[in-house]
PDB file of N, CA and C in Angstrom:
ATOM      1  N   MET A   1       0.859  -1.231   0.029  1.00  0.00           N
ATOM      2  CA  MET A   1       0.042  -0.017  -0.084  1.00  0.00           C
ATOM      3  C   MET A   1       0.866   1.272  -0.066  1.00  0.00           C
ATOM      4  N   ILE A   2       0.659   2.181  -0.772  1.00  0.00           N
ATOM      5  CA  ILE A   2       1.335   3.437  -0.898  1.00  0.00           C
ATOM      6  C   ILE A   2       0.701   4.454   0.004  1.00  0.00           C
ATOM      7  N   ASN A   3       1.683   5.256   0.738  1.00  0.00           N
ATOM      8  CA  ASN A   3       1.233   6.155   1.602  1.00  0.00           C
ATOM      9  C   ASN A   3       0.718   7.356   0.732  1.00  0.00           C
ATOM     10  N   ARG A   4      -0.283   8.173   1.200  1.00  0.00           N
ATOM     11  CA  ARG A   4      -0.666   9.277   0.566  1.00  0.00           C
ATOM     12  C   ARG A   4      -0.042  10.489   1.118  1.00  0.00           C
ATOM     13  N   TYR A   5       0.334  11.473   0.181  1.00  0.00           N
ATOM     14  CA  TYR A   5       0.803  12.486   0.666  1.00  0.00           C
ATOM     15  C   TYR A   5      -0.010  13.714   0.324  1.00  0.00           C
ATOM     16  N   ILE A   6      -0.585  14.464   1.480  1.00  0.00           N
ATOM     17  CA  ILE A   6      -1.559  15.604   1.274  1.00  0.00           C
ATOM     18  C   ILE A   6      -0.880  17.014   1.651  1.00  0.00           C
ATOM     19  N   TYR A   7      -1.036  17.845   0.950  1.00  0.00           N
ATOM     20  CA  TYR A   7      -0.654  19.260   1.230  1.00  0.00           C
ATOM     21  C   TYR A   7      -1.716  20.200   1.025  1.00  0.00           C
ATOM     22  N   LYS A   8      -2.093  20.953   2.107  1.00  0.00           N
ATOM     23  CA  LYS A   8      -3.276  21.892   2.074  1.00  0.00           C
ATOM     24  C   LYS A   8      -4.391  21.298   1.261  1.00  0.00           C
ATOM     25  N   GLY A   9      -4.733  20.102   1.609  1.00  0.00           N
ATOM     26  CA  GLY A   9      -5.953  19.301   0.897  1.00  0.00           C
ATOM     27  C   GLY A   9      -5.711  18.783  -0.397  1.00  0.00           C
ATOM     28  N   GLN A  10      -4.608  18.863  -1.102  1.00  0.00           N
ATOM     29  CA  GLN A  10      -4.267  18.397  -2.308  1.00  0.00           C
ATOM     30  C   GLN A  10      -3.340  17.165  -2.240  1.00  0.00           C
ATOM     31  N   ASP A  11      -3.726  16.017  -2.940  1.00  0.00           N
ATOM     32  CA  ASP A  11      -3.003  14.919  -2.993  1.00  0.00           C
ATOM     33  C   ASP A  11      -1.774  15.121  -3.951  1.00  0.00           C
ATOM     34  N   ILE A  12      -0.681  15.019  -3.392  1.00  0.00           N
ATOM     35  CA  ILE A  12       0.761  15.264  -4.130  1.00  0.00           C
ATOM     36  C   ILE A  12       1.651  14.044  -4.240  1.00  0.00           C
ATOM     37  N   THR A  13       0.724  12.973  -3.909  1.00  0.00           N
ATOM     38  CA  THR A  13       1.487  11.601  -4.022  1.00  0.00           C
ATOM     39  C   THR A  13       2.251  11.392  -5.189  1.00  0.00           C
ATOM     40  N   LEU A  14       1.537  11.599  -6.459  1.00  0.00           N
ATOM     41  CA  LEU A  14       2.305  11.327  -7.630  1.00  0.00           C
ATOM     42  C   LEU A  14       3.356  12.334  -7.905  1.00  0.00           C
ATOM     43  N   ASP A  15       3.300  13.523  -7.517  1.00  0.00           N
ATOM     44  CA  ASP A  15       4.351  14.606  -7.553  1.00  0.00           C
ATOM     45  C   ASP A  15       5.592  14.118  -6.776  1.00  0.00           C
ATOM     46  N   ILE A  16       5.323  13.463  -5.687  1.00  0.00           N
ATOM     47  CA  ILE A  16       6.470  13.127  -4.753  1.00  0.00           C
ATOM     48  C   ILE A  16       7.092  11.826  -5.366  1.00  0.00           C
ATOM     49  N   ILE A  17       6.377  10.790  -5.774  1.00  0.00           N
ATOM     50  CA  ILE A  17       6.983   9.672  -6.406  1.00  0.00           C
ATOM     51  C   ILE A  17       7.745  10.012  -7.645  1.00  0.00           C
ATOM     52  N   MET A  18       7.178  10.879  -8.455  1.00  0.00           N
ATOM     53  CA  MET A  18       7.911  11.299  -9.697  1.00  0.00           C
ATOM     54  C   MET A  18       9.392  11.912  -9.467  1.00  0.00           C
ATOM     55  N   LYS A  19       9.267  12.795  -8.124  1.00  0.00           N
ATOM     56  CA  LYS A  19      10.279  13.593  -7.744  1.00  0.00           C
ATOM     57  C   LYS A  19      11.386  12.440  -7.273  1.00  0.00           C
ATOM     58  N   ILE A  20      10.993  11.540  -6.491  1.00  0.00           N
ATOM     59  CA  ILE A  20      11.954  10.530  -6.081  1.00  0.00           C
ATOM     60  C   ILE A  20      12.621   9.741  -7.225  1.00  0.00           C
ATOM     61  N   GLU A  21      11.857   9.385  -8.154  1.00  0.00           N
ATOM     62  CA  GLU A  21      12.306   8.786  -9.308  1.00  0.00           C
ATOM     63  C   GLU A  21      13.483   9.626 -10.136  1.00  0.00           C
ATOM     64  N   HIS A  22      13.137  10.916 -10.327  1.00  0.00           N
ATOM     65  CA  HIS A  22      14.039  11.840 -10.903  1.00  0.00           C
ATOM     66  C   HIS A  22      15.331  11.952 -10.188  1.00  0.00           C
ATOM     67  N   VAL A  23      15.233  12.179  -8.840  1.00  0.00           N
ATOM     68  CA  VAL A  23      16.435  12.409  -7.869  1.00  0.00           C
ATOM     69  C   VAL A  23      17.227  11.104  -8.013  1.00  0.00           C
ATOM     70  N   VAL A  24      16.580   9.912  -7.816  1.00  0.00           N
ATOM     71  CA  VAL A  24      17.395   8.730  -7.873  1.00  0.00           C
ATOM     72  C   VAL A  24      18.038   8.334  -9.256  1.00  0.00           C
ATOM     73  N   ARG A  25      17.474   8.842 -10.265  1.00  0.00           N
ATOM     74  CA  ARG A  25      17.980   8.716 -11.613  1.00  0.00           C
ATOM     75  C   ARG A  25      19.195   9.576 -11.703  1.00  0.00           C
ATOM     76  N   LEU A  26      19.146  10.908 -11.229  1.00  0.00           N
ATOM     77  CA  LEU A  26      20.277  11.654 -11.192  1.00  0.00           C
ATOM     78  C   LEU A  26      21.493  11.169 -10.325  1.00  0.00           C
ATOM     79  N   ILE A  27      21.122  10.601  -9.282  1.00  0.00           N
ATOM     80  CA  ILE A  27      22.137   9.996  -8.324  1.00  0.00           C
ATOM     81  C   ILE A  27      22.744   8.915  -9.045  1.00  0.00           C
ATOM     82  N   SER A  28      22.039   7.965  -9.747  1.00  0.00           N
ATOM     83  CA  SER A  28      22.567   6.910 -10.431  1.00  0.00           C
ATOM     84  C   SER A  28      23.425   7.334 -11.575  1.00  0.00           C
ATOM     85  N   ASP A  29      23.070   8.407 -12.278  1.00  0.00           N
ATOM     86  CA  ASP A  29      23.845   8.803 -13.366  1.00  0.00           C
ATOM     87  C   ASP A  29      25.144   9.484 -12.877  1.00  0.00           C
ATOM     88  N   LYS A  30      25.087  10.106 -11.771  1.00  0.00           N
ATOM     89  CA  LYS A  30      26.240  10.719 -11.267  1.00  0.00           C
ATOM     90  C   LYS A  30      27.266   9.734 -10.668  1.00  0.00           C
ATOM     91  N   THR A  31      26.780   8.793  -9.990  1.00  0.00           N
ATOM     92  CA  THR A  31      27.539   7.772  -9.353  1.00  0.00           C
ATOM     93  C   THR A  31      27.913   6.545 -10.210  1.00  0.00           C
ATOM     94  N   GLN A  32      27.204   6.413 -11.274  1.00  0.00           N
ATOM     95  CA  GLN A  32      27.450   5.177 -12.130  1.00  0.00           C
ATOM     96  C   GLN A  32      27.022   3.866 -11.328  1.00  0.00           C
ATOM     97  N   LYS A  33      26.250   4.083 -10.394  1.00  0.00           N
ATOM     98  CA  LYS A  33      25.682   2.843  -9.640  1.00  0.00           C
ATOM     99  C   LYS A  33      24.383   2.527 -10.163  1.00  0.00           C
ATOM    100  N   PRO A  34      23.899   1.104 -10.052  1.00  0.00           N
ATOM    101  CA  PRO A  34      22.529   0.789 -10.342  1.00  0.00           C
ATOM    102  C   PRO A  34      21.404   1.697  -9.760  1.00  0.00           C
ATOM    103  N   PHE A  35      20.328   1.900 -10.481  1.00  0.00           N
ATOM    104  CA  PHE A  35      19.342   2.582  -9.879  1.00  0.00           C
ATOM    105  C   PHE A  35      18.816   2.077  -8.576  1.00  0.00           C
ATOM    106  N   ASP A  36      18.584   0.685  -8.481  1.00  0.00           N
ATOM    107  CA  ASP A  36      18.077  -0.021  -7.318  1.00  0.00           C
ATOM    108  C   ASP A  36      19.046   0.178  -6.085  1.00  0.00           C
ATOM    109  N   GLU A  37      20.414   0.247  -6.401  1.00  0.00           N
ATOM    110  CA  GLU A  37      21.280   0.678  -5.165  1.00  0.00           C
ATOM    111  C   GLU A  37      21.093   1.965  -4.746  1.00  0.00           C
ATOM    112  N   CYS A  38      20.983   2.886  -5.581  1.00  0.00           N
ATOM    113  CA  CYS A  38      20.833   4.308  -5.437  1.00  0.00           C
ATOM    114  C   CYS A  38      19.517   4.522  -4.690  1.00  0.00           C
ATOM    115  N   LEU A  39      18.565   3.889  -5.039  1.00  0.00           N
ATOM    116  CA  LEU A  39      17.205   3.964  -4.352  1.00  0.00           C
ATOM    117  C   LEU A  39      17.344   3.572  -2.974  1.00  0.00           C
ATOM    118  N   TYR A  40      17.996   2.451  -2.530  1.00  0.00           N
ATOM    119  CA  TYR A  40      18.156   1.945  -1.366  1.00  0.00           C
ATOM    120  C   TYR A  40      18.843   2.957  -0.429  1.00  0.00           C
ATOM    121  N   GLU A  41      20.000   3.510  -1.120  1.00  0.00           N
ATOM    122  CA  GLU A  41      20.726   4.500  -0.219  1.00  0.00           C
ATOM    123  C   GLU A  41      19.892   5.820  -0.130  1.00  0.00           C
ATOM    124  N   PHE A  42      19.190   6.215  -1.069  1.00  0.00           N
ATOM    125  CA  PHE A  42      18.267   7.429  -0.866  1.00  0.00           C
ATOM    126  C   PHE A  42      17.371   7.230   0.168  1.00  0.00           C
ATOM    127  N   TYR A  43      16.720   6.091   0.241  1.00  0.00           N
ATOM    128  CA  TYR A  43      15.610   5.717   1.146  1.00  0.00           C
ATOM    129  C   TYR A  43      16.412   5.732   2.758  1.00  0.00           C
ATOM    130  N   GLN A  44      17.594   5.526   2.739  1.00  0.00           N
ATOM    131  CA  GLN A  44      18.133   5.628   4.081  1.00  0.00           C
ATOM    132  C   GLN A  44      18.496   6.965   4.624  1.00  0.00           C
ATOM    133  N   SER A  45      18.361   7.993   3.636  1.00  0.00           N
ATOM    134  CA  SER A  45      18.932   9.321   3.966  1.00  0.00           C
ATOM    135  C   SER A  45      17.805  10.280   4.718  1.00  0.00           C
ATOM    136  N   LYS A  46      18.413  11.100   5.303  1.00  0.00           N
ATOM    137  CA  LYS A  46      17.654  12.198   6.042  1.00  0.00           C
ATOM    138  C   LYS A  46      16.820  13.045   5.056  1.00  0.00           C
ATOM    139  N   VAL A  47      17.444  13.262   3.884  1.00  0.00           N
ATOM    140  CA  VAL A  47      16.883  13.965   2.821  1.00  0.00           C
ATOM    141  C   VAL A  47      15.629  13.336   2.499  1.00  0.00           C
ATOM    142  N   TYR A  48      15.581  12.146   2.301  1.00  0.00           N
ATOM    143  CA  TYR A  48      14.332  11.272   1.872  1.00  0.00           C
ATOM    144  C   TYR A  48      13.252  11.472   2.910  1.00  0.00           C
ATOM    145  N   GLU A  49      13.685  11.359   4.227  1.00  0.00           N
ATOM    146  CA  GLU A  49      12.931  11.562   5.433  1.00  0.00           C
ATOM    147  C   GLU A  49      12.265  12.960   5.260  1.00  0.00           C
ATOM    148  N   ALA A  50      12.887  13.969   4.974  1.00  0.00           N
ATOM    149  CA  ALA A  50      12.476  15.403   4.860  1.00  0.00           C
ATOM    150  C   ALA A  50      11.577  15.540   3.655  1.00  0.00           C
ATOM    151  N   LEU A  51      11.833  14.745   2.670  1.00  0.00           N
ATOM    152  CA  LEU A  51      10.980  14.838   1.439  1.00  0.00           C
ATOM    153  C   LEU A  51       9.616  14.245   1.641  1.00  0.00           C
ATOM    154  N   GLN A  52       9.474  13.238   2.569  1.00  0.00           N
ATOM    155  CA  GLN A  52       8.243  12.692   2.908  1.00  0.00           C
ATOM    156  C   GLN A  52       7.305  13.499   3.765  1.00  0.00           C
ATOM    157  N   LYS A  53       7.887  14.441   4.504  1.00  0.00           N
ATOM    158  CA  LYS A  53       7.268  15.461   5.320  1.00  0.00           C
ATOM    159  C   LYS A  53       6.771  16.454   4.558  1.00  0.00           C
ATOM    160  N   THR A  54       5.523  16.552   4.174  1.00  0.00           N
ATOM    161  CA  THR A  54       5.079  17.546   3.112  1.00  0.00           C
ATOM    162  C   THR A  54       5.268  18.988   3.749  1.00  0.00           C
ATOM    163  N   GLY A  55       5.244  19.190   5.126  1.00  0.00           N
ATOM    164  CA  GLY A  55       5.393  20.440   5.556  1.00  0.00           C
ATOM    165  C   GLY A  55       6.788  21.087   5.399  1.00  0.00           C
ATOM    166  N   SER A  56       7.728  20.155   5.105  1.00  0.00           N
ATOM    167  CA  SER A  56       9.129  20.669   4.901  1.00  0.00           C
ATOM    168  C   SER A  56       9.342  21.382   3.519  1.00  0.00           C
ATOM    169  N   LEU A  57       8.307  21.193   2.679  1.00  0.00           N
ATOM    170  CA  LEU A  57       8.408  21.690   1.346  1.00  0.00           C
ATOM    171  C   LEU A  57       9.573  21.205   0.617  1.00  0.00           C
ATOM    172  N   MET A  58      10.186  20.190   0.810  1.00  0.00           N
ATOM    173  CA  MET A  58      11.392  19.651   0.252  1.00  0.00           C
ATOM    174  C   MET A  58      10.793  19.123  -1.212  1.00  0.00           C
ATOM    175  N   TRP A  59       9.672  18.695  -1.297  1.00  0.00           N
ATOM    176  CA  TRP A  59       9.037  18.288  -2.464  1.00  0.00           C
ATOM    177  C   TRP A  59       8.904  19.498  -3.610  1.00  0.00           C
ATOM    178  N   CYS A  60       8.972  20.691  -3.202  1.00  0.00           N
ATOM    179  CA  CYS A  60       8.689  21.748  -3.994  1.00  0.00           C
ATOM    180  C   CYS A  60      10.111  22.113  -4.764  1.00  0.00           C
ATOM    181  N   GLU A  61      11.208  21.783  -4.067  1.00  0.00           N
ATOM    182  CA  GLU A  61      12.431  21.899  -4.601  1.00  0.00           C
ATOM    183  C   GLU A  61      12.709  21.227  -5.833  1.00  0.00           C
ATOM    184  N   SER A  62      13.683  21.570  -6.668  1.00  0.00           N
ATOM    185  CA  SER A  62      14.193  20.769  -7.904  1.00  0.00           C
ATOM    186  C   SER A  62      14.831  19.550  -7.489  1.00  0.00           C
ATOM    187  N   ALA A  63      14.792  18.714  -8.422  1.00  0.00           N
ATOM    188  CA  ALA A  63      15.447  17.344  -8.251  1.00  0.00           C
ATOM    189  C   ALA A  63      16.936  17.611  -7.994  1.00  0.00           C
ATOM    190  N   GLU A  64      17.584  18.487  -8.712  1.00  0.00           N
ATOM    191  CA  GLU A  64      19.067  18.816  -8.675  1.00  0.00           C
ATOM    192  C   GLU A  64      19.340  19.424  -7.253  1.00  0.00           C
ATOM    193  N   PHE A  65      18.479  20.137  -6.606  1.00  0.00           N
ATOM    194  CA  PHE A  65      18.652  20.609  -5.359  1.00  0.00           C
ATOM    195  C   PHE A  65      18.709  19.678  -4.360  1.00  0.00           C
ATOM    196  N   ILE A  66      17.757  18.691  -4.417  1.00  0.00           N
ATOM    197  CA  ILE A  66      17.661  17.577  -3.517  1.00  0.00           C
ATOM    198  C   ILE A  66      18.831  16.545  -3.713  1.00  0.00           C
ATOM    199  N   VAL A  67      19.353  16.427  -4.900  1.00  0.00           N
ATOM    200  CA  VAL A  67      20.509  15.682  -5.115  1.00  0.00           C
ATOM    201  C   VAL A  67      21.712  16.212  -4.438  1.00  0.00           C
ATOM    202  N   ASP A  68      21.832  17.596  -4.582  1.00  0.00           N
ATOM    203  CA  ASP A  68      22.990  18.211  -3.811  1.00  0.00           C
ATOM    204  C   ASP A  68      22.799  18.136  -2.314  1.00  0.00           C
ATOM    205  N   GLU A  69      21.567  18.088  -1.740  1.00  0.00           N
ATOM    206  CA  GLU A  69      21.296  17.910  -0.378  1.00  0.00           C
ATOM    207  C   GLU A  69      21.770  16.500  -0.036  1.00  0.00           C
ATOM    208  N   PHE A  70      21.472  15.607  -0.811  1.00  0.00           N
ATOM    209  CA  PHE A  70      21.819  14.171  -0.553  1.00  0.00           C
ATOM    210  C   PHE A  70      23.220  13.996  -0.396  1.00  0.00           C
ATOM    211  N   PHE A  71      24.082  14.598  -1.470  1.00  0.00           N
ATOM    212  CA  PHE A  71      25.447  14.413  -1.309  1.00  0.00           C
ATOM    213  C   PHE A  71      26.063  15.121  -0.301  1.00  0.00           C
ATOM    214  N   ARG A  72      25.513  16.276   0.113  1.00  0.00           N
ATOM    215  CA  ARG A  72      25.916  17.089   1.175  1.00  0.00           C
ATOM    216  C   ARG A  72      25.860  16.214   2.494  1.00  0.00           C
ATOM    217  N   GLU A  73      24.698  15.521   2.606  1.00  0.00           N
ATOM    218  CA  GLU A  73      24.569  14.829   3.839  1.00  0.00           C
ATOM    219  C   GLU A  73      25.500  13.582   3.837  1.00  0.00           C
ATOM    220  N   LYS A  74      25.820  12.951   2.621  1.00  0.00           N
ATOM    221  CA  LYS A  74      26.769  11.857   2.689  1.00  0.00           C
ATOM    222  C   LYS A  74      28.127  12.259   2.854  1.00  0.00           C
ATOM    223  N   SER A  75      28.488  13.502   2.589  1.00  0.00           N
ATOM    224  CA  SER A  75      29.694  13.967   2.865  1.00  0.00           C
ATOM    225  C   SER A  75      30.152  14.272   4.203  1.00  0.00           C
ATOM    226  N   LYS A  76      28.974  14.399   5.075  1.00  0.00           N
ATOM    227  CA  LYS A  76      29.089  14.702   6.423  1.00  0.00           C
ATOM    228  C   LYS A  76      29.379  13.419   7.384  1.00  0.00           C
ATOM    229  N   LEU A  77      28.965  12.273   6.608  1.00  0.00           N
ATOM    230  CA  LEU A  77      29.136  10.979   7.433  1.00  0.00           C
ATOM    231  C   LEU A  77      30.456  10.533   7.509  1.00  0.00           C
TER     232      LEU A  77
END
């Protein structure tokens, strides 16, 4: 079952799912790792956690911005 993401009464689930796909595709292209591996890494990140919280408005940001945040988080580890 897929979680529904609602923001101000609007269902933005598809927007978030498409954003995740775009972000992970960019990560995969940049790292030359398989999509599935990148998806797993992204799911483990705080950036993904923020993306799921509609109030954070992370979903409004560009995929490139989210990728930069993901790599910034990884560089701090």
